[in-house]
Amino acid sequence: ISEEYVNLAINNAKTLDLDTKIRWHTSAFKDFKPPRERGILIMNPPYNKRLKQDKLKEFYLMLHDTLKKHYRGYRAYILTGDIENYRSIHLRPSAELEFYNGPIKVKFLKYLIKR
């Protein structure tokens, strides 16, 4: 949602000469319509640092609804440190890795969103 953070990501991508190979958008996830029928989505949602626990459950439910509505045919990769609420996505990951991102235990989940 934050244009400031998107601009930071663009600047980081420029250092790797990737800025023109990525489509950049500032939008709430639930409002964004992907530009293609198939693709890859990579996301790193909040880890319960800025959002309260009750809002995170709602957030993960919104992820489920949006993935099913707009991302059919996509592979979605989600890195999450919210080990409790990610299950509110209500989709079964086709693969998952568990590791630490600094002191935070995280999961990297792969979802195949069926058409």
N, C-alpha and C. Protein backbone atom coordinates (compact mmCIF):
# COMPACT_ATOMS: atom_id res chain seq x y z
N ILE A 1 0.83 -1.19 0.00
CA ILE A 1 0.00 0.00 0.00
C ILE A 1 0.87 1.25 0.00
N SER A 2 2.01 1.18 0.65
CA SER A 2 2.87 2.34 0.82
C SER A 2 3.75 2.59 -0.40
N GLU A 3 3.54 3.71 -1.04
CA GLU A 3 4.37 4.07 -2.19
C GLU A 3 5.83 4.23 -1.77
N GLU A 4 6.05 4.68 -0.54
CA GLU A 4 7.42 4.83 -0.03
C GLU A 4 8.16 3.50 -0.05
N TYR A 5 7.52 2.43 0.40
CA TYR A 5 8.16 1.12 0.43
C TYR A 5 8.33 0.53 -0.97
N VAL A 6 7.39 0.81 -1.86
CA VAL A 6 7.54 0.36 -3.24
C VAL A 6 8.74 1.05 -3.87
N ASN A 7 8.91 2.34 -3.61
CA ASN A 7 10.07 3.06 -4.14
C ASN A 7 11.38 2.51 -3.58
N LEU A 8 11.39 2.13 -2.32
CA LEU A 8 12.59 1.49 -1.75
C LEU A 8 12.88 0.17 -2.46
N ALA A 9 11.85 -0.60 -2.73
CA ALA A 9 12.04 -1.88 -3.43
C ALA A 9 12.55 -1.65 -4.85
N ILE A 10 12.03 -0.63 -5.52
CA ILE A 10 12.49 -0.31 -6.88
C ILE A 10 13.97 0.06 -6.85
N ASN A 11 14.37 0.89 -5.89
CA ASN A 11 15.78 1.29 -5.78
C ASN A 11 16.67 0.08 -5.51
N ASN A 12 16.21 -0.84 -4.67
CA ASN A 12 16.98 -2.06 -4.43
C ASN A 12 17.08 -2.90 -5.69
N ALA A 13 15.99 -2.98 -6.45
CA ALA A 13 16.01 -3.76 -7.69
C ALA A 13 16.94 -3.13 -8.72
N LYS A 14 17.04 -1.80 -8.71
CA LYS A 14 17.95 -1.11 -9.65
C LYS A 14 19.39 -1.54 -9.43
N THR A 15 19.77 -1.77 -8.18
CA THR A 15 21.15 -2.18 -7.92
C THR A 15 21.46 -3.54 -8.53
N LEU A 16 20.43 -4.34 -8.78
CA LEU A 16 20.60 -5.66 -9.41
C LEU A 16 20.19 -5.65 -10.88
N ASP A 17 19.89 -4.46 -11.40
CA ASP A 17 19.45 -4.29 -12.78
C ASP A 17 18.17 -5.09 -13.06
N LEU A 18 17.27 -5.11 -12.08
CA LEU A 18 16.00 -5.84 -12.22
C LEU A 18 14.78 -4.91 -12.28
N ASP A 19 14.99 -3.62 -12.10
CA ASP A 19 13.87 -2.70 -11.96
C ASP A 19 12.94 -2.67 -13.18
N THR A 20 13.48 -2.91 -14.37
CA THR A 20 12.63 -2.90 -15.57
C THR A 20 12.04 -4.27 -15.88
N LYS A 21 12.44 -5.28 -15.15
CA LYS A 21 11.94 -6.63 -15.38
C LYS A 21 10.77 -6.99 -14.46
N ILE A 22 10.43 -6.07 -13.57
CA ILE A 22 9.37 -6.29 -12.59
C ILE A 22 8.29 -5.24 -12.82
N ARG A 23 7.04 -5.66 -12.74
CA ARG A 23 5.93 -4.70 -12.80
C ARG A 23 5.64 -4.21 -11.40
N TRP A 24 5.67 -2.92 -11.21
CA TRP A 24 5.52 -2.31 -9.89
C TRP A 24 4.15 -1.66 -9.77
N HIS A 25 3.49 -1.88 -8.62
CA HIS A 25 2.17 -1.31 -8.37
C HIS A 25 2.06 -0.93 -6.91
N THR A 26 1.32 0.13 -6.65
CA THR A 26 0.97 0.50 -5.28
C THR A 26 -0.53 0.32 -5.16
N SER A 27 -0.94 -0.62 -4.33
CA SER A 27 -2.36 -0.93 -4.20
C SER A 27 -2.56 -1.82 -2.98
N ALA A 28 -3.75 -1.78 -2.42
CA ALA A 28 -4.11 -2.78 -1.42
C ALA A 28 -4.21 -4.11 -2.15
N PHE A 29 -3.73 -5.18 -1.55
CA PHE A 29 -3.71 -6.49 -2.20
C PHE A 29 -5.10 -6.90 -2.67
N LYS A 30 -6.10 -6.70 -1.84
CA LYS A 30 -7.46 -7.13 -2.18
C LYS A 30 -8.03 -6.39 -3.38
N ASP A 31 -7.49 -5.21 -3.69
CA ASP A 31 -7.99 -4.41 -4.82
C ASP A 31 -7.21 -4.62 -6.11
N PHE A 32 -6.07 -5.26 -6.02
CA PHE A 32 -5.20 -5.41 -7.19
C PHE A 32 -5.63 -6.60 -8.04
N LYS A 33 -5.70 -6.39 -9.34
CA LYS A 33 -6.01 -7.47 -10.28
C LYS A 33 -4.73 -7.78 -11.05
N PRO A 34 -4.24 -9.01 -10.95
CA PRO A 34 -2.99 -9.34 -11.64
C PRO A 34 -3.12 -9.17 -13.16
N PRO A 35 -2.01 -8.81 -13.81
CA PRO A 35 -2.07 -8.51 -15.25
C PRO A 35 -2.14 -9.72 -16.16
N ARG A 36 -1.93 -10.91 -15.63
CA ARG A 36 -1.92 -12.11 -16.47
C ARG A 36 -2.78 -13.20 -15.85
N GLU A 37 -3.12 -14.21 -16.67
CA GLU A 37 -3.91 -15.34 -16.19
C GLU A 37 -3.11 -16.27 -15.30
N ARG A 38 -1.81 -16.37 -15.55
CA ARG A 38 -0.93 -17.22 -14.75
C ARG A 38 0.28 -16.41 -14.35
N GLY A 39 0.91 -16.82 -13.26
CA GLY A 39 2.12 -16.13 -12.84
C GLY A 39 2.58 -16.62 -11.49
N ILE A 40 3.50 -15.86 -10.94
CA ILE A 40 4.07 -16.15 -9.63
C ILE A 40 3.85 -14.93 -8.74
N LEU A 41 3.35 -15.18 -7.56
CA LEU A 41 3.17 -14.14 -6.56
C LEU A 41 4.07 -14.47 -5.38
N ILE A 42 4.87 -13.51 -4.94
CA ILE A 42 5.72 -13.70 -3.77
C ILE A 42 5.34 -12.62 -2.77
N MET A 43 5.05 -13.01 -1.55
CA MET A 43 4.64 -12.03 -0.55
C MET A 43 5.22 -12.34 0.81
N ASN A 44 5.43 -11.28 1.57
CA ASN A 44 5.96 -11.36 2.92
C ASN A 44 5.02 -10.54 3.82
N PRO A 45 3.89 -11.14 4.23
CA PRO A 45 2.92 -10.39 5.05
C PRO A 45 3.45 -10.09 6.45
N PRO A 46 2.75 -9.24 7.19
CA PRO A 46 3.19 -8.84 8.54
C PRO A 46 3.39 -10.03 9.48
N TYR A 47 4.32 -9.85 10.43
CA TYR A 47 4.66 -10.89 11.41
C TYR A 47 4.05 -10.61 12.78
N ASN A 48 3.00 -9.82 12.85
CA ASN A 48 2.37 -9.47 14.12
C ASN A 48 3.20 -8.45 14.90
N LYS A 49 3.91 -7.59 14.19
CA LYS A 49 4.66 -6.52 14.85
C LYS A 49 3.87 -5.22 14.82
N ARG A 50 3.27 -4.90 13.65
CA ARG A 50 2.53 -3.65 13.52
C ARG A 50 1.03 -3.84 13.62
N LEU A 51 0.52 -5.00 13.23
CA LEU A 51 -0.91 -5.28 13.30
C LEU A 51 -1.22 -6.11 14.53
N LYS A 52 -2.36 -5.84 15.12
CA LYS A 52 -2.77 -6.63 16.28
C LYS A 52 -3.22 -8.02 15.83
N GLN A 53 -3.16 -8.96 16.75
CA GLN A 53 -3.48 -10.37 16.46
C GLN A 53 -4.86 -10.52 15.81
N ASP A 54 -5.88 -9.86 16.33
CA ASP A 54 -7.22 -10.03 15.77
C ASP A 54 -7.29 -9.51 14.34
N LYS A 55 -6.58 -8.48 14.02
CA LYS A 55 -6.57 -7.97 12.65
C LYS A 55 -5.77 -8.88 11.72
N LEU A 56 -4.78 -9.57 12.26
CA LEU A 56 -4.01 -10.49 11.42
C LEU A 56 -4.85 -11.66 10.93
N LYS A 57 -5.72 -12.17 11.78
CA LYS A 57 -6.59 -13.27 11.35
C LYS A 57 -7.48 -12.80 10.19
N GLU A 58 -8.02 -11.59 10.33
CA GLU A 58 -8.83 -11.01 9.25
C GLU A 58 -7.98 -10.83 7.99
N PHE A 59 -6.74 -10.41 8.17
CA PHE A 59 -5.83 -10.21 7.05
C PHE A 59 -5.61 -11.52 6.29
N TYR A 60 -5.33 -12.60 7.01
CA TYR A 60 -5.10 -13.88 6.36
C TYR A 60 -6.37 -14.43 5.71
N LEU A 61 -7.53 -14.15 6.28
CA LEU A 61 -8.79 -14.52 5.62
C LEU A 61 -8.95 -13.76 4.31
N MET A 62 -8.57 -12.45 4.31
CA MET A 62 -8.61 -11.65 3.09
C MET A 62 -7.65 -12.23 2.05
N LEU A 63 -6.47 -12.71 2.49
CA LEU A 63 -5.54 -13.33 1.55
C LEU A 63 -6.21 -14.51 0.85
N HIS A 64 -6.87 -15.35 1.62
CA HIS A 64 -7.59 -16.50 1.05
C HIS A 64 -8.59 -16.05 0.00
N ASP A 65 -9.44 -15.11 0.37
CA ASP A 65 -10.48 -14.66 -0.55
C ASP A 65 -9.88 -14.07 -1.83
N THR A 66 -8.84 -13.27 -1.68
CA THR A 66 -8.23 -12.60 -2.84
C THR A 66 -7.49 -13.60 -3.72
N LEU A 67 -6.77 -14.54 -3.11
CA LEU A 67 -6.08 -15.55 -3.91
C LEU A 67 -7.07 -16.36 -4.73
N LYS A 68 -8.17 -16.78 -4.12
CA LYS A 68 -9.17 -17.59 -4.82
C LYS A 68 -9.90 -16.79 -5.90
N LYS A 69 -10.08 -15.50 -5.65
CA LYS A 69 -10.84 -14.66 -6.58
C LYS A 69 -10.00 -14.20 -7.77
N HIS A 70 -8.76 -13.75 -7.53
CA HIS A 70 -7.97 -13.09 -8.57
C HIS A 70 -6.73 -13.86 -9.03
N TYR A 71 -6.30 -14.88 -8.31
CA TYR A 71 -5.01 -15.50 -8.60
C TYR A 71 -5.10 -16.97 -8.99
N ARG A 72 -6.23 -17.38 -9.54
CA ARG A 72 -6.35 -18.76 -10.01
C ARG A 72 -5.35 -18.97 -11.15
N GLY A 73 -4.62 -20.08 -11.10
CA GLY A 73 -3.60 -20.36 -12.09
C GLY A 73 -2.22 -19.87 -11.67
N TYR A 74 -2.12 -19.22 -10.54
CA TYR A 74 -0.85 -18.69 -10.04
C TYR A 74 -0.19 -19.66 -9.07
N ARG A 75 1.10 -19.51 -8.94
CA ARG A 75 1.86 -20.10 -7.84
C ARG A 75 2.09 -18.96 -6.86
N ALA A 76 1.69 -19.14 -5.63
CA ALA A 76 1.86 -18.10 -4.61
C ALA A 76 2.85 -18.59 -3.56
N TYR A 77 3.85 -17.79 -3.29
CA TYR A 77 4.85 -18.09 -2.26
C TYR A 77 4.69 -17.06 -1.16
N ILE A 78 4.48 -17.53 0.05
CA ILE A 78 4.25 -16.63 1.18
C ILE A 78 5.26 -16.93 2.28
N LEU A 79 6.02 -15.91 2.65
CA LEU A 79 6.95 -16.01 3.78
C LEU A 79 6.25 -15.40 4.97
N THR A 80 6.03 -16.19 6.00
CA THR A 80 5.32 -15.68 7.17
C THR A 80 6.00 -16.07 8.47
N GLY A 81 6.00 -15.14 9.39
CA GLY A 81 6.47 -15.40 10.73
C GLY A 81 5.30 -15.55 11.69
N ASP A 82 4.09 -15.44 11.17
CA ASP A 82 2.89 -15.60 12.00
C ASP A 82 2.44 -17.05 11.89
N ILE A 83 3.07 -17.88 12.70
CA ILE A 83 2.86 -19.33 12.62
C ILE A 83 1.42 -19.72 12.98
N GLU A 84 0.74 -18.92 13.78
CA GLU A 84 -0.63 -19.25 14.17
C GLU A 84 -1.65 -18.86 13.11
N ASN A 85 -1.57 -17.65 12.60
CA ASN A 85 -2.64 -17.14 11.74
C ASN A 85 -2.54 -17.52 10.27
N TYR A 86 -1.39 -17.97 9.81
CA TYR A 86 -1.29 -18.28 8.38
C TYR A 86 -2.27 -19.38 7.99
N ARG A 87 -2.68 -20.21 8.92
CA ARG A 87 -3.65 -21.27 8.61
C ARG A 87 -5.02 -20.70 8.22
N SER A 88 -5.26 -19.43 8.55
CA SER A 88 -6.51 -18.78 8.16
C SER A 88 -6.60 -18.57 6.66
N ILE A 89 -5.51 -18.81 5.93
CA ILE A 89 -5.57 -18.75 4.47
C ILE A 89 -6.47 -19.88 3.96
N HIS A 90 -6.59 -20.96 4.73
CA HIS A 90 -7.47 -22.09 4.39
C HIS A 90 -7.15 -22.70 3.03
N LEU A 91 -5.89 -22.72 2.69
CA LEU A 91 -5.42 -23.43 1.51
C LEU A 91 -4.30 -24.35 1.97
N ARG A 92 -4.17 -25.48 1.34
CA ARG A 92 -3.12 -26.42 1.71
C ARG A 92 -1.86 -26.11 0.90
N PRO A 93 -0.75 -25.83 1.59
CA PRO A 93 0.48 -25.58 0.84
C PRO A 93 0.96 -26.84 0.13
N SER A 94 1.49 -26.67 -1.08
CA SER A 94 2.05 -27.81 -1.80
C SER A 94 3.48 -28.09 -1.34
N ALA A 95 4.09 -27.10 -0.70
CA ALA A 95 5.43 -27.27 -0.12
C ALA A 95 5.61 -26.22 0.97
N GLU A 96 6.45 -26.54 1.94
CA GLU A 96 6.77 -25.55 2.97
C GLU A 96 8.16 -25.81 3.53
N LEU A 97 8.82 -24.71 3.84
CA LEU A 97 10.13 -24.74 4.49
C LEU A 97 10.00 -23.97 5.80
N GLU A 98 10.66 -24.45 6.82
CA GLU A 98 10.66 -23.75 8.10
C GLU A 98 12.10 -23.40 8.44
N PHE A 99 12.34 -22.15 8.81
CA PHE A 99 13.67 -21.70 9.17
C PHE A 99 13.56 -20.44 10.01
N TYR A 100 14.68 -19.83 10.34
CA TYR A 100 14.69 -18.61 11.13
C TYR A 100 15.10 -17.43 10.27
N ASN A 101 14.38 -16.34 10.39
CA ASN A 101 14.72 -15.06 9.80
C ASN A 101 15.20 -14.21 10.97
N GLY A 102 16.51 -14.25 11.24
CA GLY A 102 17.02 -13.67 12.48
C GLY A 102 16.48 -14.49 13.63
N PRO A 103 15.88 -13.85 14.63
CA PRO A 103 15.34 -14.59 15.76
C PRO A 103 13.91 -15.12 15.56
N ILE A 104 13.32 -14.80 14.41
CA ILE A 104 11.92 -15.13 14.17
C ILE A 104 11.80 -16.43 13.38
N LYS A 105 11.06 -17.38 13.93
CA LYS A 105 10.77 -18.63 13.22
C LYS A 105 9.76 -18.33 12.12
N VAL A 106 10.09 -18.69 10.88
CA VAL A 106 9.23 -18.39 9.75
C VAL A 106 8.96 -19.65 8.93
N LYS A 107 7.93 -19.53 8.10
CA LYS A 107 7.62 -20.58 7.13
C LYS A 107 7.56 -19.93 5.76
N PHE A 108 8.12 -20.63 4.78
CA PHE A 108 8.02 -20.23 3.39
C PHE A 108 7.10 -21.24 2.73
N LEU A 109 5.92 -20.78 2.35
CA LEU A 109 4.85 -21.66 1.89
C LEU A 109 4.61 -21.49 0.39
N LYS A 110 4.41 -22.59 -0.30
CA LYS A 110 4.08 -22.56 -1.72
C LYS A 110 2.65 -23.04 -1.88
N TYR A 111 1.86 -22.24 -2.58
CA TYR A 111 0.48 -22.61 -2.87
C TYR A 111 0.28 -22.64 -4.38
N LEU A 112 -0.41 -23.67 -4.86
CA LEU A 112 -0.82 -23.74 -6.25
C LEU A 112 -2.31 -23.40 -6.27
N ILE A 113 -2.63 -22.23 -6.80
CA ILE A 113 -4.00 -21.78 -6.79
C ILE A 113 -4.68 -22.36 -8.03
N LYS A 114 -5.57 -23.28 -7.81
CA LYS A 114 -6.21 -24.00 -8.93
C LYS A 114 -7.22 -23.13 -9.64
N ARG A 115 -7.35 -23.37 -10.91
CA ARG A 115 -8.30 -22.64 -11.76
C ARG A 115 -9.71 -23.06 -11.47
